Amino acid sequence: MAIIYLISSLIIILSNYDQIPAAFSSIFTGAFSPEGVTGGFMGVLILGFRRAVFSNEAGIGSAPIAHAAVKTDYSGKIYSPLRFHFCKEQESLVSL
């Protein structure tokens, strides 16, 4: 399939050989025009915002998924760190 794609693309390029310089000229003039630079800047800005929003997963609801996978022997009560001591027999934290 890749060979068919390469052969067909070469046939199309070679059949339009006289338009290759105009195509490259159009690419460079469009890329360095004010509209092209503005469009590129906006694209990079949007991608940067996407990365910033999803970098810490805040607000997208993935915390319950991570907490559901935890396997513990104690309930999900919130304890003060001062109310725990380490029990060597059970090798876990025990509430006082």
Protein backbone atom coordinates (compact mmCIF):
# COMPACT_ATOMS: atom_id res chain seq x y z
CA MET A 1 0.00 0.00 0.00
CA ALA A 2 2.85 2.38 0.79
CA ILE A 3 4.51 1.52 -2.52
CA ILE A 4 1.27 2.32 -4.39
CA TYR A 5 1.08 5.64 -2.54
CA LEU A 6 4.67 6.55 -3.41
CA ILE A 7 4.32 5.58 -7.06
CA SER A 8 1.05 7.48 -7.48
CA SER A 9 2.48 10.59 -5.78
CA LEU A 10 5.54 10.50 -8.04
CA ILE A 11 3.30 10.18 -11.10
CA ILE A 12 1.28 13.22 -10.02
CA ILE A 13 4.41 15.28 -9.26
CA LEU A 14 6.10 14.36 -12.53
CA SER A 15 2.97 15.08 -14.56
CA ASN A 16 2.87 18.60 -13.05
CA TYR A 17 6.64 19.16 -13.22
CA ASP A 18 6.30 22.64 -14.73
CA GLN A 19 4.33 23.90 -11.68
CA ILE A 20 6.88 22.86 -9.01
CA PRO A 21 8.74 26.24 -8.90
CA ALA A 22 5.44 28.14 -8.64
CA ALA A 23 4.34 25.82 -5.80
CA PHE A 24 7.53 26.47 -3.81
CA SER A 25 7.22 30.20 -4.45
CA SER A 26 3.63 30.16 -3.22
CA ILE A 27 4.64 28.26 -0.08
CA PHE A 28 7.41 30.70 0.86
CA THR A 29 5.47 33.87 0.07
CA GLY A 30 2.47 32.61 2.02
CA ALA A 31 4.52 31.45 5.00
CA PHE A 32 6.38 34.74 5.46
CA SER A 33 3.47 37.06 4.73
CA PRO A 34 1.82 38.92 7.63
CA GLU A 35 -1.21 36.63 7.41
CA GLY A 36 0.98 33.53 7.53
CA VAL A 37 3.01 34.76 10.49
CA THR A 38 -0.16 35.74 12.37
CA GLY A 39 -1.75 32.36 11.67
CA GLY A 40 1.35 30.51 12.83
CA PHE A 41 1.53 32.58 16.00
CA MET A 42 -2.14 31.94 16.77
CA GLY A 43 -1.67 28.20 16.19
CA VAL A 44 1.28 28.05 18.58
CA LEU A 45 -0.64 30.11 21.12
CA ILE A 46 -3.63 27.75 21.00
CA LEU A 47 -1.40 24.69 21.38
CA GLY A 48 0.34 26.34 24.34
CA PHE A 49 -2.98 27.03 26.04
CA ARG A 50 -4.05 23.42 25.49
CA ARG A 51 -0.87 22.15 27.12
CA ALA A 52 -1.21 24.59 30.01
CA VAL A 53 -4.83 23.65 30.70
CA PHE A 54 -4.26 19.90 30.69
CA SER A 55 -0.83 19.84 32.32
CA ASN A 56 -2.17 19.29 35.84
CA GLU A 57 -5.59 17.72 35.08
CA ALA A 58 -7.36 20.24 37.31
CA GLY A 59 -11.10 20.18 36.83
CA ILE A 60 -11.35 17.33 34.33
CA GLY A 61 -12.56 14.72 36.82
CA SER A 62 -9.70 12.22 36.80
CA ALA A 63 -9.17 12.22 40.59
CA PRO A 64 -11.98 9.71 41.33
CA ILE A 65 -10.43 7.31 38.83
CA ALA A 66 -7.06 7.40 40.59
CA HIS A 67 -8.64 7.09 44.05
CA ALA A 68 -10.81 4.17 43.00
CA ALA A 69 -7.74 2.13 42.08
CA VAL A 70 -6.19 2.41 45.56
CA LYS A 71 -6.28 -0.74 47.69
CA THR A 72 -6.19 -0.02 51.44
CA ASP A 73 -7.21 -1.77 54.65
CA TYR A 74 -8.59 1.35 56.32
CA SER A 75 -11.51 3.56 55.48
CA GLY A 76 -11.31 6.86 53.67
CA LYS A 77 -11.62 9.00 56.80
CA ILE A 78 -9.57 12.15 57.01
CA TYR A 79 -7.19 11.98 59.95
CA SER A 80 -4.87 14.54 61.39
CA PRO A 81 -1.20 13.57 60.92
CA LEU A 82 -0.74 13.90 64.69
CA ARG A 83 -3.26 11.11 65.40
CA PHE A 84 -1.24 8.35 63.72
CA HIS A 85 1.52 6.14 65.01
CA PHE A 86 3.39 3.39 63.23
CA CYS A 87 2.47 -0.14 64.29
CA LYS A 88 5.28 -2.56 63.45
CA GLU A 89 3.11 -5.66 63.86
CA GLN A 90 0.76 -4.58 61.08
CA GLU A 91 3.31 -2.39 59.27
CA SER A 92 0.72 0.31 58.72
CA LEU A 93 -0.50 3.54 60.23
CA VAL A 94 -2.99 3.10 63.04
CA SER A 95 -5.26 5.77 64.48
CA LEU A 96 -4.78 6.51 68.18
